[in-house]
C-alpha atoms as a PDB file:
ATOM      1  CA  MET A   1       0.000   0.000   0.000  1.00  0.00           C
ATOM      2  CA  PRO A   2       1.208   3.568  -0.593  1.00  0.00           C
ATOM      3  CA  GLU A   3       2.564   5.586   2.265  1.00  0.00           C
ATOM      4  CA  ARG A   4      -0.281   7.484   3.880  1.00  0.00           C
ATOM      5  CA  PRO A   5      -0.105  11.269   3.960  1.00  0.00           C
ATOM      6  CA  LEU A   6       0.569  12.974   7.245  1.00  0.00           C
ATOM      7  CA  PRO A   7      -2.576  14.110   9.049  1.00  0.00           C
ATOM      8  CA  THR A   8      -3.392  17.794   8.730  1.00  0.00           C
ATOM      9  CA  LYS A   9      -5.679  20.120  10.623  1.00  0.00           C
ATOM     10  CA  ALA A  10      -7.394  21.077   7.353  1.00  0.00           C
ATOM     11  CA  GLY A  11      -7.910  17.405   6.518  1.00  0.00           C
ATOM     12  CA  ALA A  12      -9.411  16.762   9.934  1.00  0.00           C
ATOM     13  CA  VAL A  13     -11.852  19.640   9.443  1.00  0.00           C
ATOM     14  CA  MET A  14     -12.826  18.324   6.008  1.00  0.00           C
ATOM     15  CA  ARG A  15     -13.326  14.831   7.399  1.00  0.00           C
ATOM     16  CA  GLN A  16     -15.506  16.085  10.245  1.00  0.00           C
ATOM     17  CA  ALA A  17     -17.563  18.238   7.881  1.00  0.00           C
ATOM     18  CA  ALA A  18     -17.967  15.415   5.346  1.00  0.00           C
ATOM     19  CA  THR A  19     -19.020  12.960   8.060  1.00  0.00           C
ATOM     20  CA  ALA A  20     -21.636  15.367   9.422  1.00  0.00           C
ATOM     21  CA  PHE A  21     -22.983  15.953   5.922  1.00  0.00           C
ATOM     22  CA  VAL A  22     -23.168  12.221   5.125  1.00  0.00           C
ATOM     23  CA  ASN A  23     -24.887  11.479   8.438  1.00  0.00           C
ATOM     24  CA  SER A  24     -27.580  14.045   7.601  1.00  0.00           C
ATOM     25  CA  LEU A  25     -28.618  12.299   4.380  1.00  0.00           C
ATOM     26  CA  ASN A  26     -31.686  10.138   4.039  1.00  0.00           C
ATOM     27  CA  ALA A  27     -31.625   6.914   2.012  1.00  0.00           C
ATOM     28  CA  GLU A  28     -32.628   8.556  -1.269  1.00  0.00           C
ATOM     29  CA  GLN A  29     -30.092  11.357  -0.853  1.00  0.00           C
ATOM     30  CA  ARG A  30     -27.316   8.881  -0.065  1.00  0.00           C
ATOM     31  CA  LEU A  31     -27.927   7.085  -3.363  1.00  0.00           C
ATOM     32  CA  LYS A  32     -27.377  10.369  -5.206  1.00  0.00           C
ATOM     33  CA  THR A  33     -24.438  11.547  -3.137  1.00  0.00           C
ATOM     34  CA  ILE A  34     -22.157   8.660  -2.200  1.00  0.00           C
ATOM     35  CA  TYR A  35     -19.961   6.757  -4.665  1.00  0.00           C
ATOM     36  CA  ASP A  36     -17.247   4.221  -4.159  1.00  0.00           C
ATOM     37  CA  TYR A  37     -13.822   5.870  -4.130  1.00  0.00           C
ATOM     38  CA  MET A  38     -12.740   3.750  -7.113  1.00  0.00           C
ATOM     39  CA  ASP A  39     -15.798   4.671  -9.191  1.00  0.00           C
ATOM     40  CA  GLY A  40     -14.953   6.308 -12.509  1.00  0.00           C
ATOM     41  CA  GLU A  41     -17.306   9.160 -11.594  1.00  0.00           C
ATOM     42  CA  ARG A  42     -14.585  10.513  -9.319  1.00  0.00           C
ATOM     43  CA  ILE A  43     -12.270  11.412 -12.181  1.00  0.00           C
ATOM     44  CA  PHE A  44     -14.968  12.981 -14.369  1.00  0.00           C
ATOM     45  CA  TRP A  45     -15.141  16.725 -13.889  1.00  0.00           C
ATOM     46  CA  TYR A  46     -16.845  19.411 -15.930  1.00  0.00           C
ATOM     47  CA  TYR A  47     -17.356  23.134 -15.485  1.00  0.00           C
ATOM     48  CA  PRO A  48     -20.086  24.196 -17.974  1.00  0.00           C
ATOM     49  CA  PRO A  49     -23.709  24.244 -16.806  1.00  0.00           C
ATOM     50  CA  THR A  50     -25.148  20.760 -17.159  1.00  0.00           C
ATOM     51  CA  ASN A  51     -26.996  18.071 -15.228  1.00  0.00           C
ATOM     52  CA  ARG A  52     -24.625  16.365 -12.804  1.00  0.00           C
ATOM     53  CA  HIS A  53     -24.356  13.445 -10.441  1.00  0.00           C
ATOM     54  CA  GLY A  54     -24.404  14.302  -6.772  1.00  0.00           C
ATOM     55  CA  LEU A  55     -26.832  16.092  -4.499  1.00  0.00           C
ATOM     56  CA  PRO A  56     -27.702  19.669  -5.518  1.00  0.00           C
ATOM     57  CA  LEU A  57     -28.352  22.462  -3.060  1.00  0.00           C
ATOM     58  CA  ARG A  58     -31.892  22.478  -4.441  1.00  0.00           C
ATOM     59  CA  ASP A  59     -32.571  19.089  -2.838  1.00  0.00           C
ATOM     60  CA  MET A  60     -31.081  19.835   0.587  1.00  0.00           C
ATOM     61  CA  SER A  61     -32.745  21.052   3.738  1.00  0.00           C
ATOM     62  CA  GLN A  62     -31.483  24.307   5.220  1.00  0.00           C
ATOM     63  CA  ASP A  63     -29.403  22.405   7.777  1.00  0.00           C
ATOM     64  CA  GLN A  64     -27.907  20.238   5.044  1.00  0.00           C
ATOM     65  CA  ARG A  65     -27.082  23.295   2.946  1.00  0.00           C
ATOM     66  CA  GLU A  66     -25.171  24.719   5.878  1.00  0.00           C
ATOM     67  CA  MET A  67     -23.295  21.426   6.304  1.00  0.00           C
ATOM     68  CA  ALA A  68     -22.519  21.291   2.587  1.00  0.00           C
ATOM     69  CA  LEU A  69     -21.141  24.820   2.619  1.00  0.00           C
ATOM     70  CA  ALA A  70     -19.137  23.988   5.755  1.00  0.00           C
ATOM     71  CA  LEU A  71     -17.455  21.177   3.809  1.00  0.00           C
ATOM     72  CA  MET A  72     -16.668  23.516   0.922  1.00  0.00           C
ATOM     73  CA  ARG A  73     -15.322  26.107   3.350  1.00  0.00           C
ATOM     74  CA  ALA A  74     -13.073  23.472   4.956  1.00  0.00           C
ATOM     75  CA  GLY A  75     -11.244  23.000   1.639  1.00  0.00           C
ATOM     76  CA  LEU A  76     -10.744  26.678   0.846  1.00  0.00           C
ATOM     77  CA  SER A  77      -9.065  29.785   2.142  1.00  0.00           C
ATOM     78  CA  ASP A  78     -11.411  32.518   3.353  1.00  0.00           C
ATOM     79  CA  ARG A  79     -10.886  34.489   0.146  1.00  0.00           C
ATOM     80  CA  ALA A  80     -11.480  31.455  -2.068  1.00  0.00           C
ATOM     81  CA  PHE A  81     -14.632  30.534  -0.156  1.00  0.00           C
ATOM     82  CA  ASP A  82     -15.972  34.052  -0.685  1.00  0.00           C
ATOM     83  CA  GLN A  83     -15.117  33.749  -4.378  1.00  0.00           C
ATOM     84  CA  ALA A  84     -16.909  30.393  -4.625  1.00  0.00           C
ATOM     85  CA  VAL A  85     -20.038  31.839  -3.028  1.00  0.00           C
ATOM     86  CA  GLY A  86     -19.747  34.827  -5.349  1.00  0.00           C
ATOM     87  CA  ILE A  87     -19.500  32.573  -8.402  1.00  0.00           C
ATOM     88  CA  ILE A  88     -22.630  30.718  -7.308  1.00  0.00           C
ATOM     89  CA  ASP A  89     -24.486  33.995  -6.749  1.00  0.00           C
ATOM     90  CA  LEU A  90     -23.302  35.249 -10.151  1.00  0.00           C
ATOM     91  CA  GLU A  91     -25.724  32.812 -11.770  1.00  0.00           C
ATOM     92  CA  VAL A  92     -28.552  35.194 -10.843  1.00  0.00           C
ATOM     93  CA  ILE A  93     -26.830  38.116 -12.588  1.00  0.00           C
ATOM     94  CA  LEU A  94     -25.962  36.001 -15.634  1.00  0.00           C
ATOM     95  CA  GLY A  95     -29.579  34.864 -15.902  1.00  0.00           C
ATOM     96  CA  GLU A  96     -30.749  38.479 -15.882  1.00  0.00           C
ATOM     97  CA  ILE A  97     -28.220  39.431 -18.569  1.00  0.00           C
ATOM     98  CA  GLU A  98     -29.260  36.570 -20.844  1.00  0.00           C
ATOM     99  CA  ARG A  99     -32.985  37.183 -20.391  1.00  0.00           C
ATOM    100  CA  ALA A 100     -32.524  40.857 -21.233  1.00  0.00           C
ATOM    101  CA  ALA A 101     -30.655  39.829 -24.390  1.00  0.00           C
ATOM    102  CA  GLY A 102     -33.361  37.329 -25.344  1.00  0.00           C
ATOM    103  CA  ARG A 103     -31.004  34.355 -25.100  1.00  0.00           C
ATOM    104  CA  LYS A 104     -32.304  30.871 -24.343  1.00  0.00           C
ATOM    105  CA  THR A 105     -29.687  28.936 -22.410  1.00  0.00           C
ATOM    106  CA  PHE A 106     -29.291  26.332 -19.697  1.00  0.00           C
ATOM    107  CA  LYS A 107     -31.179  27.436 -16.591  1.00  0.00           C
ATOM    108  CA  ARG A 108     -29.030  29.759 -14.474  1.00  0.00           C
ATOM    109  CA  ASP A 109     -29.776  28.627 -10.944  1.00  0.00           C
ATOM    110  CA  PRO A 110     -27.561  29.039  -7.851  1.00  0.00           C
ATOM    111  CA  ASP A 111     -29.233  25.938  -6.410  1.00  0.00           C
ATOM    112  CA  LEU A 112     -27.740  23.740  -9.163  1.00  0.00           C
ATOM    113  CA  TYR A 113     -24.410  23.110  -7.453  1.00  0.00           C
ATOM    114  CA  TYR A 114     -23.789  19.506  -6.511  1.00  0.00           C
ATOM    115  CA  TRP A 115     -21.996  17.789  -3.605  1.00  0.00           C
ATOM    116  CA  THR A 116     -20.566  14.268  -3.986  1.00  0.00           C
ATOM    117  CA  ILE A 117     -18.727  12.029  -1.508  1.00  0.00           C
ATOM    118  CA  PHE A 118     -16.401   9.245  -2.642  1.00  0.00           C
ATOM    119  CA  GLY A 119     -15.705   6.418  -0.211  1.00  0.00           C
ATOM    120  CA  ASP A 120     -16.212   6.581   3.535  1.00  0.00           C
ATOM    121  CA  PRO A 121     -14.633   9.512   5.400  1.00  0.00           C
ATOM    122  CA  THR A 122     -14.893   7.588   8.694  1.00  0.00           C
ATOM    123  CA  ASP A 123     -12.799   4.645   7.456  1.00  0.00           C
ATOM    124  CA  ASP A 124      -9.116   4.960   8.394  1.00  0.00           C
ATOM    125  CA  GLU A 125      -8.090   2.092   6.107  1.00  0.00           C
ATOM    126  CA  THR A 126      -9.139   3.435   2.708  1.00  0.00           C
ATOM    127  CA  PRO A 127      -8.934   6.756   0.833  1.00  0.00           C
ATOM    128  CA  TRP A 128     -11.960   8.969   0.452  1.00  0.00           C
ATOM    129  CA  GLY A 129     -12.801  12.182  -1.366  1.00  0.00           C
ATOM    130  CA  TRP A 130     -15.326  14.886  -2.038  1.00  0.00           C
ATOM    131  CA  ARG A 131     -16.362  17.105  -4.911  1.00  0.00           C
ATOM    132  CA  VAL A 132     -18.318  20.323  -5.233  1.00  0.00           C
ATOM    133  CA  GLU A 133     -19.255  21.148  -8.788  1.00  0.00           C
ATOM    134  CA  GLY A 134     -21.527  23.359 -10.840  1.00  0.00           C
ATOM    135  CA  HIS A 135     -21.249  26.094 -13.446  1.00  0.00           C
ATOM    136  CA  HIS A 136     -17.740  27.569 -13.148  1.00  0.00           C
ATOM    137  CA  ILE A 137     -16.790  25.636 -10.001  1.00  0.00           C
ATOM    138  CA  SER A 138     -15.108  22.253  -9.759  1.00  0.00           C
ATOM    139  CA  LEU A 139     -13.372  21.321  -6.492  1.00  0.00           C
ATOM    140  CA  ASN A 140     -11.899  17.815  -6.246  1.00  0.00           C
ATOM    141  CA  TYR A 141     -10.300  16.591  -3.016  1.00  0.00           C
ATOM    142  CA  SER A 142      -8.760  13.193  -2.265  1.00  0.00           C
ATOM    143  CA  LEU A 143      -7.790  12.283   1.293  1.00  0.00           C
ATOM    144  CA  TRP A 144      -6.782   9.380   3.472  1.00  0.00           C
ATOM    145  CA  ALA A 145      -8.210   9.830   6.960  1.00  0.00           C
ATOM    146  CA  ASP A 146      -7.021  13.372   7.883  1.00  0.00           C
ATOM    147  CA  GLY A 147      -4.213  13.468   5.322  1.00  0.00           C
ATOM    148  CA  LEU A 148      -4.515  15.181   1.942  1.00  0.00           C
ATOM    149  CA  LEU A 149      -3.659  13.194  -1.174  1.00  0.00           C
ATOM    150  CA  SER A 150      -4.714  15.759  -3.791  1.00  0.00           C
ATOM    151  CA  LEU A 151      -6.743  18.957  -4.217  1.00  0.00           C
ATOM    152  CA  THR A 152      -6.729  19.280  -7.985  1.00  0.00           C
ATOM    153  CA  PRO A 153      -8.207  19.824 -10.544  1.00  0.00           C
ATOM    154  CA  PHE A 154      -9.280  23.136  -9.002  1.00  0.00           C
ATOM    155  CA  PHE A 155     -11.440  25.228 -11.336  1.00  0.00           C
ATOM    156  CA  PHE A 156     -12.950  28.688 -10.903  1.00  0.00           C
ATOM    157  CA  GLY A 157     -14.602  30.710 -13.657  1.00  0.00           C
ATOM    158  CA  THR A 158     -16.867  33.725 -13.965  1.00  0.00           C
ATOM    159  CA  ASN A 159     -19.405  34.974 -16.483  1.00  0.00           C
ATOM    160  CA  PRO A 160     -19.442  37.887 -16.567  1.00  0.00           C
ATOM    161  CA  ALA A 161     -15.823  38.421 -15.590  1.00  0.00           C
ATOM    162  CA  GLU A 162     -16.858  42.008 -14.833  1.00  0.00           C
ATOM    163  CA  VAL A 163     -20.430  42.977 -14.001  1.00  0.00           C
ATOM    164  CA  ARG A 164     -21.004  46.071 -16.123  1.00  0.00           C
ATOM    165  CA  GLN A 165     -24.459  47.198 -15.092  1.00  0.00           C
ATOM    166  CA  GLY A 166     -26.889  47.051 -12.217  1.00  0.00           C
ATOM    167  CA  PRO A 167     -26.324  47.318  -8.453  1.00  0.00           C
ATOM    168  CA  GLN A 168     -23.125  45.231  -8.586  1.00  0.00           C
ATOM    169  CA  ALA A 169     -21.537  47.016 -11.527  1.00  0.00           C
ATOM    170  CA  GLY A 170     -17.758  46.796 -11.300  1.00  0.00           C
ATOM    171  CA  LEU A 171     -17.733  43.435  -9.507  1.00  0.00           C
ATOM    172  CA  ARG A 172     -14.769  41.286 -10.644  1.00  0.00           C
ATOM    173  CA  ILE A 173     -14.576  38.121  -8.573  1.00  0.00           C
ATOM    174  CA  LEU A 174     -11.358  36.831 -10.169  1.00  0.00           C
ATOM    175  CA  ASP A 175      -9.654  40.180 -10.662  1.00  0.00           C
ATOM    176  CA  ARG A 176      -6.186  39.477  -9.245  1.00  0.00           C
ATOM    177  CA  ARG A 177      -5.422  36.505 -11.477  1.00  0.00           C
ATOM    178  CA  GLU A 178      -6.147  38.677 -14.495  1.00  0.00           C
ATOM    179  CA  ASP A 179      -4.609  41.975 -13.370  1.00  0.00           C
ATOM    180  CA  LEU A 180      -1.310  40.463 -12.223  1.00  0.00           C
ATOM    181  CA  ALA A 181      -0.960  38.625 -15.528  1.00  0.00           C
ATOM    182  CA  PHE A 182      -1.424  41.880 -17.432  1.00  0.00           C
ATOM    183  CA  ASP A 183       1.102  43.563 -15.122  1.00  0.00           C
ATOM    184  CA  LEU A 184       3.600  40.851 -15.981  1.00  0.00           C
ATOM    185  CA  VAL A 185       3.081  40.681 -19.734  1.00  0.00           C
ATOM    186  CA  SER A 186       3.117  44.474 -20.065  1.00  0.00           C
ATOM    187  CA  SER A 187       6.487  44.605 -18.261  1.00  0.00           C
ATOM    188  CA  LEU A 188       8.230  42.380 -20.806  1.00  0.00           C
ATOM    189  CA  ASP A 189      10.645  43.885 -23.279  1.00  0.00           C
ATOM    190  CA  ALA A 190      10.341  43.085 -26.990  1.00  0.00           C
ATOM    191  CA  GLU A 191      12.680  40.083 -26.838  1.00  0.00           C
ATOM    192  CA  GLN A 192      10.948  38.629 -23.775  1.00  0.00           C
ATOM    193  CA  ALA A 193       7.511  39.199 -25.286  1.00  0.00           C
ATOM    194  CA  GLU A 194       8.504  37.390 -28.469  1.00  0.00           C
ATOM    195  CA  ARG A 195       9.259  34.277 -26.422  1.00  0.00           C
ATOM    196  CA  ALA A 196       6.278  34.642 -24.075  1.00  0.00           C
ATOM    197  CA  VAL A 197       3.551  35.021 -26.729  1.00  0.00           C
ATOM    198  CA  ILE A 198       3.015  31.550 -28.150  1.00  0.00           C
ATOM    199  CA  TYR A 199      -0.169  32.194 -30.183  1.00  0.00           C
ATOM    200  CA  PRO A 200      -1.431  35.377 -31.860  1.00  0.00           C
ATOM    201  CA  GLU A 201      -5.003  34.609 -30.774  1.00  0.00           C
ATOM    202  CA  ALA A 202      -6.370  33.285 -27.502  1.00  0.00           C
ATOM    203  CA  PRO A 203      -7.770  29.745 -27.699  1.00  0.00           C
ATOM    204  CA  TRP A 204     -11.502  29.347 -27.174  1.00  0.00           C
ATOM    205  CA  ASP A 205     -10.968  27.668 -23.809  1.00  0.00           C
ATOM    206  CA  ILE A 206      -8.291  26.287 -21.518  1.00  0.00           C
ATOM    207  CA  LEU A 207      -6.324  23.713 -23.513  1.00  0.00           C
ATOM    208  CA  THR A 208      -6.535  20.890 -20.964  1.00  0.00           C
ATOM    209  CA  PHE A 209     -10.335  21.347 -20.963  1.00  0.00           C
ATOM    210  CA  ASN A 210     -11.833  18.739 -18.584  1.00  0.00           C
ATOM    211  CA  ALA A 211      -9.337  15.950 -19.238  1.00  0.00           C
ATOM    212  CA  SER A 212      -8.907  13.538 -16.340  1.00  0.00           C
ATOM    213  CA  ARG A 213      -5.174  13.838 -16.819  1.00  0.00           C
ATOM    214  CA  ALA A 214      -3.520  17.117 -17.782  1.00  0.00           C
ATOM    215  CA  VAL A 215      -1.160  16.646 -20.713  1.00  0.00           C
ATOM    216  CA  MET A 216       0.783  19.634 -21.987  1.00  0.00           C
ATOM    217  CA  PRO A 217       3.544  19.931 -24.585  1.00  0.00           C
ATOM    218  CA  ALA A 218       7.107  20.687 -23.615  1.00  0.00           C
ATOM    219  CA  TYR A 219       7.466  23.953 -21.750  1.00  0.00           C
ATOM    220  CA  GLU A 220       6.455  26.923 -23.871  1.00  0.00           C
ATOM    221  CA  GLY A 221       6.804  30.641 -23.350  1.00  0.00           C
ATOM    222  CA  LEU A 222       9.269  32.681 -21.339  1.00  0.00           C
ATOM    223  CA  ALA A 223      11.318  30.965 -18.650  1.00  0.00           C
ATOM    224  CA  ALA A 224      11.196  32.667 -15.271  1.00  0.00           C
ATOM    225  CA  SER A 225      15.003  32.531 -15.253  1.00  0.00           C
ATOM    226  CA  GLU A 226      14.890  35.026 -18.140  1.00  0.00           C
ATOM    227  CA  MET A 227      12.865  37.537 -16.114  1.00  0.00           C
ATOM    228  CA  ASP A 228      14.341  40.283 -13.999  1.00  0.00           C
ATOM    229  CA  ASP A 229      13.690  40.283 -10.268  1.00  0.00           C
ATOM    230  CA  ASP A 230      10.688  42.605 -10.481  1.00  0.00           C
ATOM    231  CA  GLN A 231       9.057  40.448 -13.148  1.00  0.00           C
ATOM    232  CA  TRP A 232       9.775  37.304 -11.170  1.00  0.00           C
ATOM    233  CA  ALA A 233       8.135  38.878  -8.125  1.00  0.00           C
ATOM    234  CA  VAL A 234       4.953  39.515 -10.139  1.00  0.00           C
ATOM    235  CA  LEU A 235       4.958  35.951 -11.453  1.00  0.00           C
ATOM    236  CA  ASP A 236       5.451  34.646  -7.932  1.00  0.00           C
ATOM    237  CA  ARG A 237       2.453  36.661  -6.711  1.00  0.00           C
ATOM    238  CA  LEU A 238       0.392  35.342  -9.613  1.00  0.00           C
ATOM    239  CA  VAL A 239       1.317  31.726  -8.796  1.00  0.00           C
ATOM    240  CA  ASN A 240       0.302  32.322  -5.200  1.00  0.00           C
ATOM    241  CA  VAL A 241      -3.124  33.612  -6.226  1.00  0.00           C
ATOM    242  CA  TYR A 242      -3.848  30.027  -7.196  1.00  0.00           C
ATOM    243  CA  VAL A 243      -1.949  28.275  -4.400  1.00  0.00           C
ATOM    244  CA  ASP A 244      -3.582  30.469  -1.760  1.00  0.00           C
ATOM    245  CA  GLN A 245      -7.011  29.187  -2.748  1.00  0.00           C
ATOM    246  CA  ALA A 246      -6.245  26.279  -0.410  1.00  0.00           C
ATOM    247  CA  PRO A 247      -6.242  26.592   3.396  1.00  0.00           C
ATOM    248  CA  ALA A 248      -2.965  28.114   4.599  1.00  0.00           C
ATOM    249  CA  GLU A 249      -1.539  24.852   5.922  1.00  0.00           C
ATOM    250  CA  LEU A 250      -2.047  23.088   2.587  1.00  0.00           C
ATOM    251  CA  ALA A 251      -1.038  26.113   0.528  1.00  0.00           C
ATOM    252  CA  ASP A 252       2.274  26.400   2.374  1.00  0.00           C
ATOM    253  CA  GLU A 253       3.083  22.745   1.726  1.00  0.00           C
ATOM    254  CA  ARG A 254       2.388  23.134  -1.986  1.00  0.00           C
ATOM    255  CA  ARG A 255       4.405  26.343  -2.130  1.00  0.00           C
ATOM    256  CA  VAL A 256       7.415  24.361  -0.939  1.00  0.00           C
ATOM    257  CA  ARG A 257       6.846  21.765  -3.656  1.00  0.00           C
ATOM    258  CA  ILE A 258       6.631  24.419  -6.360  1.00  0.00           C
ATOM    259  CA  ALA A 259       9.748  26.177  -5.085  1.00  0.00           C
ATOM    260  CA  SER A 260      11.679  22.902  -5.269  1.00  0.00           C
ATOM    261  CA  SER A 261      11.426  23.072  -9.081  1.00  0.00           C
ATOM    262  CA  GLY A 262      13.322  26.348  -8.955  1.00  0.00           C
ATOM    263  CA  ARG A 263      12.941  29.543 -10.891  1.00  0.00           C
ATOM    264  CA  GLU A 264      14.578  27.873 -13.883  1.00  0.00           C
ATOM    265  CA  GLY A 265      11.735  25.361 -14.146  1.00  0.00           C
ATOM    266  CA  MET A 266       8.867  27.872 -14.334  1.00  0.00           C
ATOM    267  CA  HIS A 267       7.542  29.160 -17.676  1.00  0.00           C
ATOM    268  CA  PHE A 268       4.978  31.838 -18.503  1.00  0.00           C
ATOM    269  CA  ALA A 269       3.144  31.660 -21.838  1.00  0.00           C
ATOM    270  CA  TRP A 270       0.645  34.127 -23.299  1.00  0.00           C
ATOM    271  CA  ALA A 271      -1.774  34.009 -26.242  1.00  0.00           C
ATOM    272  CA  GLY A 272      -3.633  36.890 -27.874  1.00  0.00           C
ATOM    273  CA  PRO A 273      -3.170  40.652 -27.681  1.00  0.00           C
ATOM    274  CA  VAL A 274      -1.592  42.130 -24.576  1.00  0.00           C
ATOM    275  CA  GLN A 275      -4.169  44.916 -24.298  1.00  0.00           C
ATOM    276  CA  SER A 276      -6.846  44.668 -21.619  1.00  0.00           C
ATOM    277  CA  GLY A 277     -10.296  44.077 -23.041  1.00  0.00           C
ATOM    278  CA  GLU A 278      -9.064  41.832 -25.857  1.00  0.00           C
ATOM    279  CA  PRO A 279      -9.355  38.023 -25.765  1.00  0.00           C
ATOM    280  CA  HIS A 280      -6.361  36.593 -23.908  1.00  0.00           C
ATOM    281  CA  TYR A 281      -4.949  33.411 -22.422  1.00  0.00           C
ATOM    282  CA  TYR A 282      -1.986  32.543 -20.240  1.00  0.00           C
ATOM    283  CA  ARG A 283      -0.341  29.457 -18.839  1.00  0.00           C
ATOM    284  CA  ILE A 284       2.097  28.946 -15.984  1.00  0.00           C
ATOM    285  CA  HIS A 285       3.929  25.634 -16.067  1.00  0.00           C
ATOM    286  CA  GLY A 286       6.706  24.389 -13.839  1.00  0.00           C
ATOM    287  CA  GLY A 287       7.348  20.831 -12.721  1.00  0.00           C
ATOM    288  CA  SER A 288       3.985  19.286 -11.847  1.00  0.00           C
ATOM    289  CA  PHE A 289       2.380  22.706 -11.279  1.00  0.00           C
ATOM    290  CA  LEU A 290       0.139  23.921 -14.105  1.00  0.00           C
ATOM    291  CA  VAL A 291      -2.219  26.878 -14.330  1.00  0.00           C
ATOM    292  CA  GLU A 292      -4.334  27.914 -17.300  1.00  0.00           C
ATOM    293  CA  PHE A 293      -6.415  31.074 -17.644  1.00  0.00           C
ATOM    294  CA  ASP A 294      -8.609  32.013 -20.593  1.00  0.00           C
ATOM    295  CA  ASN A 295     -10.804  35.060 -21.163  1.00  0.00           C
ATOM    296  CA  ARG A 296     -12.126  35.004 -24.710  1.00  0.00           C
ATOM    297  CA  GLN A 297     -15.832  34.222 -24.738  1.00  0.00           C
ATOM    298  CA  ASN A 298     -18.626  36.812 -24.462  1.00  0.00           C
ATOM    299  CA  GLY A 299     -16.445  39.614 -25.771  1.00  0.00           C
ATOM    300  CA  ALA A 300     -13.531  38.754 -23.461  1.00  0.00           C
ATOM    301  CA  ASN A 301     -15.762  38.977 -20.400  1.00  0.00           C
ATOM    302  CA  HIS A 302     -15.918  35.297 -19.438  1.00  0.00           C
ATOM    303  CA  ILE A 303     -13.094  33.691 -17.434  1.00  0.00           C
ATOM    304  CA  HIS A 304     -12.046  30.070 -17.120  1.00  0.00           C
ATOM    305  CA  SER A 305      -9.115  29.311 -14.823  1.00  0.00           C
ATOM    306  CA  VAL A 306      -7.723  26.044 -13.515  1.00  0.00           C
ATOM    307  CA  TRP A 307      -4.934  24.838 -11.231  1.00  0.00           C
ATOM    308  CA  ARG A 308      -3.726  21.316 -11.943  1.00  0.00           C
ATOM    309  CA  ASP A 309      -1.091  18.911 -10.707  1.00  0.00           C
ATOM    310  CA  VAL A 310       0.203  17.238 -13.857  1.00  0.00           C
ATOM    311  CA  ASP A 311       1.368  14.173 -11.916  1.00  0.00           C
ATOM    312  CA  ASN A 312      -1.183  13.960  -9.142  1.00  0.00           C
ATOM    313  CA  ASP A 313      -4.637  15.204 -10.151  1.00  0.00           C
ATOM    314  CA  PHE A 314      -7.186  12.995  -8.381  1.00  0.00           C
ATOM    315  CA  ALA A 315      -4.248  11.492  -6.419  1.00  0.00           C
ATOM    316  CA  ASN A 316      -3.402   9.353  -9.439  1.00  0.00           C
ATOM    317  CA  ASP A 317       0.351   9.528  -8.731  1.00  0.00           C
ATOM    318  CA  VAL A 318      -0.035   8.539  -5.082  1.00  0.00           C
ATOM    319  CA  LEU A 319      -2.541   5.747  -5.616  1.00  0.00           C
ATOM    320  CA  GLY A 320      -2.194   4.909  -9.294  1.00  0.00           C
ATOM    321  CA  GLU A 321      -0.505   1.559  -8.846  1.00  0.00           C
ATOM    322  CA  HIS A 322      -3.177   0.411  -6.428  1.00  0.00           C
ATOM    323  CA  LEU A 323      -6.447   1.580  -7.934  1.00  0.00           C
ATOM    324  CA  ILE A 324      -8.280   1.066 -11.189  1.00  0.00           C
ATOM    325  CA  LEU A 325      -7.891   4.818 -11.737  1.00  0.00           C
ATOM    326  CA  TYR A 326      -4.411   4.113 -13.067  1.00  0.00           C
ATOM    327  CA  HIS A 327      -5.776   1.884 -15.812  1.00  0.00           C
ATOM    328  CA  VAL A 328      -8.522   4.193 -17.075  1.00  0.00           C
ATOM    329  CA  LEU A 329      -6.601   7.471 -17.373  1.00  0.00           C
END
């Protein structure tokens, strides 16, 4: 058997929250919510609006909703939890925008976010996990007792990226991950920019899409070792926007892992114009750490962003030799 991860305070909080949530479910809800840890459902993730497996907020009592949100909060920093709640609430604004434009789309409903439990969080002898997913949110955690195996793929998106009318005009839930990237790309000299810009146009979406395993080509873009200290500092802050979505204890541990690859191993790639308001994409890739950000759709006012662990999404590196997951990726 693989070596078990060290117990963490954050893992213990997640386990307690997951156990309370599971214990609140009736028989019908349990059938919708609980899957075996080895079930292929665990490695299927998707961020557009669609019907999903799991138990939606719509079908929970008020007490269960509070327990479900407590589990989500346990896996996030305070800022990331506020962003997640904001993304859910943004469905109301998006629905209003689309109705005003006469568009017929998938129902925009903040109650259509789904909670799923994989395995048994009370069992010390087997891994377990949880997922929260809906339009523009996909959180995927794998644990063993109180120890964390994996917390990726980790997806946040927003539509609109900026609310441009109404009482919340000016709201930008994911502002820092966009603004810091523009700060960095605008600081590059002509030679650096030539290496950093890998495509003249932004792709329609993140390139890894919803693949169960993130596969990228050889490093592309500008190596961090070719940046000056000020540029490196901006890139470092941008990396930490993503890492700091996790609770501090888990974020610090992953920061150490990323740093072990060194400045030489980190690359920053850009696609599209470098002017704000135009469709744009960027990627940060170093070692197993991978981030993608895309803002092209809806007139460059629709963000998709993802943090992935190339080796260990869904804990496939830790448990791959022991679970069927290894054979289906």
